[in-house]
C-alpha atoms as a PDB file:
ATOM      1  CA  UNK A   1      83.675 108.789  80.769  1.00  0.00           C
ATOM      2  CA  UNK A   2      84.060 108.610  84.580  1.00  0.00           C
ATOM      3  CA  UNK A   3      82.404 105.791  86.492  1.00  0.00           C
ATOM      4  CA  UNK A   4      79.032 106.861  87.870  1.00  0.00           C
ATOM      5  CA  UNK A   5      78.932 104.158  90.556  1.00  0.00           C
ATOM      6  CA  UNK A   6      79.945 104.668  94.162  1.00  0.00           C
ATOM      7  CA  UNK A   7      83.136 102.697  94.813  1.00  0.00           C
ATOM      8  CA  UNK A   8      82.130 102.187  98.448  1.00  0.00           C
ATOM      9  CA  UNK A   9      78.700 100.568  97.921  1.00  0.00           C
ATOM     10  CA  UNK A  10      78.444  99.985  94.161  1.00  0.00           C
ATOM     11  CA  UNK A  11      75.261 102.048  93.927  1.00  0.00           C
ATOM     12  CA  UNK A  12      74.734 105.158  91.798  1.00  0.00           C
ATOM     13  CA  UNK A  13      77.112 108.012  92.567  1.00  0.00           C
ATOM     14  CA  UNK A  14      74.339 110.581  92.143  1.00  0.00           C
ATOM     15  CA  UNK A  15      74.380 114.205  91.116  1.00  0.00           C
ATOM     16  CA  UNK A  16      76.021 115.498  94.303  1.00  0.00           C
ATOM     17  CA  UNK A  17      78.662 112.999  95.377  1.00  0.00           C
ATOM     18  CA  UNK A  18      80.552 113.379  98.631  1.00  0.00           C
ATOM     19  CA  UNK A  19      84.299 113.120  99.104  1.00  0.00           C
ATOM     20  CA  UNK A  20      85.445 110.140 101.107  1.00  0.00           C
ATOM     21  CA  UNK A  21      86.991 110.891 104.488  1.00  0.00           C
ATOM     22  CA  UNK A  22      89.361 107.940 104.021  1.00  0.00           C
ATOM     23  CA  UNK A  23      91.489 109.625 101.394  1.00  0.00           C
ATOM     24  CA  UNK A  24      93.959 112.226 102.599  1.00  0.00           C
ATOM     25  CA  UNK A  25      93.548 114.432  99.534  1.00  0.00           C
ATOM     26  CA  UNK A  26      89.774 113.813  99.517  1.00  0.00           C
ATOM     27  CA  UNK A  27      89.677 113.074  95.796  1.00  0.00           C
ATOM     28  CA  UNK A  28      87.708 109.852  96.140  1.00  0.00           C
ATOM     29  CA  UNK A  29      84.058 110.546  95.392  1.00  0.00           C
ATOM     30  CA  UNK A  30      81.346 108.418  97.011  1.00  0.00           C
ATOM     31  CA  UNK A  31      77.553 108.696  97.076  1.00  0.00           C
ATOM     32  CA  UNK A  32      75.914 110.942  99.654  1.00  0.00           C
ATOM     33  CA  UNK A  33      74.568 107.956 101.610  1.00  0.00           C
ATOM     34  CA  UNK A  34      78.077 106.557 102.040  1.00  0.00           C
ATOM     35  CA  UNK A  35      79.417 110.042 102.814  1.00  0.00           C
ATOM     36  CA  UNK A  36      76.844 110.401 105.583  1.00  0.00           C
ATOM     37  CA  UNK A  37      77.726 106.954 106.932  1.00  0.00           C
ATOM     38  CA  UNK A  38      81.431 107.875 107.045  1.00  0.00           C
ATOM     39  CA  UNK A  39      80.640 111.098 108.908  1.00  0.00           C
ATOM     40  CA  UNK A  40      78.393 109.335 111.439  1.00  0.00           C
ATOM     41  CA  UNK A  41      80.967 106.593 112.018  1.00  0.00           C
ATOM     42  CA  UNK A  42      83.649 109.220 112.597  1.00  0.00           C
ATOM     43  CA  UNK A  43      81.430 111.209 114.986  1.00  0.00           C
ATOM     44  CA  UNK A  44      80.625 108.068 116.980  1.00  0.00           C
ATOM     45  CA  UNK A  45      84.255 106.970 117.166  1.00  0.00           C
ATOM     46  CA  UNK A  46      83.639 103.887 115.009  1.00  0.00           C
ATOM     47  CA  UNK A  47      86.176 102.555 112.562  1.00  0.00           C
ATOM     48  CA  UNK A  48      85.477 103.299 108.899  1.00  0.00           C
ATOM     49  CA  UNK A  49      84.734 100.616 106.331  1.00  0.00           C
ATOM     50  CA  UNK A  50      88.259  99.723 105.143  1.00  0.00           C
ATOM     51  CA  UNK A  51      89.078 100.949 101.643  1.00  0.00           C
ATOM     52  CA  UNK A  52      90.081  97.423 100.609  1.00  0.00           C
ATOM     53  CA  UNK A  53      86.578  96.165 101.423  1.00  0.00           C
ATOM     54  CA  UNK A  54      84.815  98.582  99.100  1.00  0.00           C
ATOM     55  CA  UNK A  55      83.210  96.436  96.360  1.00  0.00           C
ATOM     56  CA  UNK A  56      84.600  98.393  93.401  1.00  0.00           C
ATOM     57  CA  UNK A  57      88.141  98.457  94.838  1.00  0.00           C
ATOM     58  CA  UNK A  58      88.597  94.730  95.397  1.00  0.00           C
END
């Protein structure tokens, strides 16, 4: 059974997960809140939260 937690925040992945912008093949699913945050950061020219700092990837 796949993990239903968002690897970026540790919260629930939800029914409609987003694909992380940090992965080149976009196979890493994250919750919609984190997906929105990544998009806003990108649009504002901010650096993304580093993959190594995601709570479920440490």
